[in-house]
């Protein structure tokens, strides 16, 4: 495994591990779960080239999907 994919403690890189070390999130497991869900959904969207512009940014439809997912997670079902 390349060195740049390891954390300082030698563990495999994981956004979850990084966020768990953040003092602002440690006392709020629900917030951690929501942040990780947004990260996972963003990765899912980015994996599909149909969601990207020529410059590799999210296109309008993908941004709308991401906005709706964030709204669902943090504000509840908006329907």
N, C-alpha and C. Protein backbone atom coordinates (compact mmCIF):
# COMPACT_ATOMS: atom_id res chain seq x y z
N UNK A 1 0.84 -1.18 0.00
CA UNK A 1 0.00 0.00 0.00
C UNK A 1 0.88 1.24 0.00
N UNK A 2 0.61 2.22 -0.87
CA UNK A 2 1.42 3.45 -0.90
C UNK A 2 1.36 4.19 0.44
N UNK A 3 2.45 4.79 0.81
CA UNK A 3 2.55 5.49 2.09
C UNK A 3 1.50 6.60 2.22
N UNK A 4 1.15 7.27 1.13
CA UNK A 4 0.22 8.39 1.24
C UNK A 4 -1.21 7.94 1.53
N UNK A 5 -1.47 6.63 1.50
CA UNK A 5 -2.79 6.12 1.85
C UNK A 5 -2.86 5.65 3.30
N UNK A 6 -1.81 5.91 4.05
CA UNK A 6 -1.78 5.54 5.45
C UNK A 6 -1.95 6.77 6.32
N UNK A 7 -2.60 6.61 7.47
CA UNK A 7 -2.70 7.71 8.42
C UNK A 7 -1.40 7.77 9.21
N UNK A 8 -1.28 8.78 10.04
CA UNK A 8 -0.07 8.94 10.84
C UNK A 8 0.18 7.71 11.72
N UNK A 9 -0.87 7.05 12.19
CA UNK A 9 -0.70 5.89 13.07
C UNK A 9 -0.42 4.62 12.29
N UNK A 10 -0.35 4.72 10.93
CA UNK A 10 -0.06 3.56 10.12
C UNK A 10 -1.29 2.79 9.68
N UNK A 11 -2.47 3.25 10.11
CA UNK A 11 -3.70 2.60 9.68
C UNK A 11 -4.01 2.96 8.23
N UNK A 12 -4.81 2.11 7.58
CA UNK A 12 -5.24 2.42 6.23
C UNK A 12 -6.08 3.69 6.26
N UNK A 13 -5.93 4.53 5.22
CA UNK A 13 -6.69 5.78 5.14
C UNK A 13 -8.17 5.49 5.20
N UNK A 14 -8.88 6.22 6.02
CA UNK A 14 -10.32 6.08 6.13
C UNK A 14 -10.89 7.40 6.60
N UNK A 15 -11.85 7.91 5.85
CA UNK A 15 -12.49 9.16 6.26
C UNK A 15 -13.14 8.98 7.63
N UNK A 16 -13.65 7.78 7.88
CA UNK A 16 -14.27 7.49 9.16
C UNK A 16 -13.27 7.65 10.30
N UNK A 17 -12.06 7.11 10.14
CA UNK A 17 -11.03 7.24 11.18
C UNK A 17 -10.65 8.70 11.41
N UNK A 18 -10.54 9.46 10.35
CA UNK A 18 -10.18 10.86 10.47
C UNK A 18 -11.27 11.63 11.21
N UNK A 19 -12.52 11.41 10.83
CA UNK A 19 -13.62 12.13 11.47
C UNK A 19 -13.80 11.73 12.93
N UNK A 20 -13.56 10.47 13.25
CA UNK A 20 -13.71 10.01 14.63
C UNK A 20 -12.71 10.70 15.55
N UNK A 21 -11.60 11.18 14.99
CA UNK A 21 -10.60 11.88 15.79
C UNK A 21 -10.93 13.36 15.98
N UNK A 22 -11.92 13.86 15.26
CA UNK A 22 -12.30 15.27 15.35
C UNK A 22 -13.13 15.49 16.61
N UNK A 23 -12.64 16.34 17.50
CA UNK A 23 -13.31 16.60 18.78
C UNK A 23 -14.73 17.12 18.62
N UNK A 24 -14.99 17.82 17.52
CA UNK A 24 -16.32 18.39 17.31
C UNK A 24 -17.35 17.30 16.99
N UNK A 25 -16.89 16.14 16.58
CA UNK A 25 -17.79 15.07 16.16
C UNK A 25 -17.83 13.94 17.18
N UNK A 26 -16.81 13.80 18.00
CA UNK A 26 -16.70 12.68 18.92
C UNK A 26 -17.93 12.50 19.81
N UNK A 27 -18.52 13.59 20.24
CA UNK A 27 -19.67 13.53 21.14
C UNK A 27 -21.00 13.48 20.40
N UNK A 28 -20.96 13.34 19.08
CA UNK A 28 -22.19 13.34 18.30
C UNK A 28 -22.14 12.23 17.24
N UNK A 29 -22.39 10.98 17.65
CA UNK A 29 -22.32 9.87 16.69
C UNK A 29 -23.34 9.98 15.57
N UNK A 30 -24.47 10.62 15.82
CA UNK A 30 -25.48 10.81 14.78
C UNK A 30 -24.94 11.72 13.67
N UNK A 31 -24.23 12.77 14.05
CA UNK A 31 -23.63 13.66 13.07
C UNK A 31 -22.57 12.93 12.26
N UNK A 32 -21.76 12.13 12.92
CA UNK A 32 -20.74 11.34 12.22
C UNK A 32 -21.40 10.44 11.18
N UNK A 33 -22.46 9.77 11.55
CA UNK A 33 -23.17 8.88 10.63
C UNK A 33 -23.69 9.64 9.41
N UNK A 34 -24.23 10.82 9.64
CA UNK A 34 -24.76 11.64 8.54
C UNK A 34 -23.65 12.13 7.62
N UNK A 35 -22.55 12.57 8.19
CA UNK A 35 -21.42 13.04 7.39
C UNK A 35 -20.87 11.89 6.53
N UNK A 36 -20.74 10.72 7.11
CA UNK A 36 -20.25 9.57 6.36
C UNK A 36 -21.22 9.17 5.25
N UNK A 37 -22.52 9.31 5.51
CA UNK A 37 -23.52 9.00 4.48
C UNK A 37 -23.39 9.98 3.31
N UNK A 38 -23.15 11.26 3.60
CA UNK A 38 -22.96 12.25 2.53
C UNK A 38 -21.69 11.90 1.74
N UNK A 39 -20.63 11.56 2.44
CA UNK A 39 -19.38 11.19 1.77
C UNK A 39 -19.59 9.98 0.85
N UNK A 40 -20.25 8.95 1.37
CA UNK A 40 -20.51 7.74 0.58
C UNK A 40 -21.37 8.04 -0.64
N UNK A 41 -22.40 8.85 -0.47
CA UNK A 41 -23.27 9.18 -1.59
C UNK A 41 -22.52 10.00 -2.63
N UNK A 42 -21.67 10.90 -2.17
CA UNK A 42 -20.87 11.70 -3.10
C UNK A 42 -19.94 10.80 -3.91
N UNK A 43 -19.31 9.85 -3.25
CA UNK A 43 -18.44 8.90 -3.95
C UNK A 43 -19.24 8.12 -5.00
N UNK A 44 -20.45 7.71 -4.63
CA UNK A 44 -21.32 6.97 -5.55
C UNK A 44 -21.62 7.82 -6.80
N UNK A 45 -21.96 9.08 -6.59
CA UNK A 45 -22.27 9.98 -7.70
C UNK A 45 -21.03 10.20 -8.58
N UNK A 46 -19.89 10.41 -7.95
CA UNK A 46 -18.66 10.67 -8.70
C UNK A 46 -18.19 9.48 -9.52
N UNK A 47 -18.58 8.29 -9.11
CA UNK A 47 -18.16 7.07 -9.83
C UNK A 47 -18.83 6.93 -11.19
N UNK A 48 -19.90 7.66 -11.42
CA UNK A 48 -20.63 7.56 -12.70
C UNK A 48 -20.29 8.77 -13.56
N UNK A 49 -19.60 8.53 -14.67
CA UNK A 49 -19.19 9.62 -15.56
C UNK A 49 -20.37 10.43 -16.09
N UNK A 50 -21.55 9.85 -16.12
CA UNK A 50 -22.74 10.57 -16.58
C UNK A 50 -23.09 11.75 -15.66
N UNK A 51 -22.58 11.71 -14.44
CA UNK A 51 -22.86 12.78 -13.46
C UNK A 51 -21.83 13.90 -13.50
N UNK A 52 -20.86 13.80 -14.40
CA UNK A 52 -19.76 14.76 -14.41
C UNK A 52 -19.75 15.61 -15.67
N UNK A 53 -19.29 16.84 -15.51
CA UNK A 53 -19.06 17.70 -16.66
C UNK A 53 -17.72 17.33 -17.28
N UNK A 54 -17.36 17.97 -18.39
CA UNK A 54 -16.08 17.70 -19.03
C UNK A 54 -14.90 18.01 -18.12
N UNK A 55 -15.09 18.96 -17.21
CA UNK A 55 -14.02 19.32 -16.29
C UNK A 55 -14.10 18.55 -14.96
N UNK A 56 -14.89 17.46 -14.95
CA UNK A 56 -15.01 16.55 -13.82
C UNK A 56 -15.72 17.14 -12.60
N UNK A 57 -16.52 18.16 -12.82
CA UNK A 57 -17.38 18.67 -11.75
C UNK A 57 -18.73 17.98 -11.83
N UNK A 58 -19.48 18.02 -10.75
CA UNK A 58 -20.82 17.46 -10.79
C UNK A 58 -21.69 18.29 -11.72
N UNK A 59 -22.48 17.60 -12.54
CA UNK A 59 -23.41 18.33 -13.40
C UNK A 59 -24.64 18.74 -12.58
N UNK A 60 -25.54 19.48 -13.20
CA UNK A 60 -26.70 20.01 -12.48
C UNK A 60 -27.56 18.93 -11.86
N UNK A 61 -27.83 17.85 -12.59
CA UNK A 61 -28.65 16.78 -12.06
C UNK A 61 -27.99 16.11 -10.85
N UNK A 62 -26.70 15.87 -10.94
CA UNK A 62 -25.97 15.24 -9.84
C UNK A 62 -25.95 16.15 -8.61
N UNK A 63 -25.78 17.45 -8.83
CA UNK A 63 -25.82 18.39 -7.70
C UNK A 63 -27.18 18.38 -7.03
N UNK A 64 -28.23 18.29 -7.83
CA UNK A 64 -29.59 18.24 -7.28
C UNK A 64 -29.77 16.97 -6.45
N UNK A 65 -29.29 15.83 -6.96
CA UNK A 65 -29.37 14.58 -6.20
C UNK A 65 -28.62 14.68 -4.87
N UNK A 66 -27.44 15.27 -4.91
CA UNK A 66 -26.64 15.42 -3.69
C UNK A 66 -27.34 16.36 -2.72
N UNK A 67 -27.86 17.47 -3.21
CA UNK A 67 -28.59 18.41 -2.35
C UNK A 67 -29.78 17.73 -1.68
N UNK A 68 -30.52 16.93 -2.44
CA UNK A 68 -31.68 16.23 -1.88
C UNK A 68 -31.26 15.23 -0.81
N UNK A 69 -30.16 14.52 -1.05
CA UNK A 69 -29.67 13.55 -0.07
C UNK A 69 -29.25 14.24 1.21
N UNK A 70 -28.56 15.36 1.10
CA UNK A 70 -28.15 16.12 2.28
C UNK A 70 -29.38 16.61 3.03
N UNK A 71 -30.35 17.11 2.30
CA UNK A 71 -31.58 17.58 2.92
C UNK A 71 -32.29 16.45 3.67
N UNK A 72 -32.36 15.28 3.05
CA UNK A 72 -32.98 14.12 3.70
C UNK A 72 -32.27 13.76 5.00
N UNK A 73 -30.94 13.74 4.95
CA UNK A 73 -30.17 13.34 6.10
C UNK A 73 -30.25 14.34 7.26
N UNK A 74 -30.18 15.63 6.91
CA UNK A 74 -30.08 16.63 7.97
C UNK A 74 -31.40 17.30 8.33
N UNK A 75 -32.37 17.26 7.43
CA UNK A 75 -33.66 17.90 7.71
C UNK A 75 -34.82 16.92 7.74
N UNK A 76 -34.56 15.67 7.43
CA UNK A 76 -35.62 14.67 7.36
C UNK A 76 -36.19 14.63 5.96
N UNK A 77 -37.08 13.69 5.73
CA UNK A 77 -37.70 13.53 4.41
C UNK A 77 -38.50 14.77 4.07
N UNK A 78 -38.19 15.37 2.92
CA UNK A 78 -38.84 16.64 2.55
C UNK A 78 -40.13 16.45 1.78
N UNK A 79 -40.50 15.18 1.47
CA UNK A 79 -41.72 14.93 0.72
C UNK A 79 -42.94 14.89 1.62
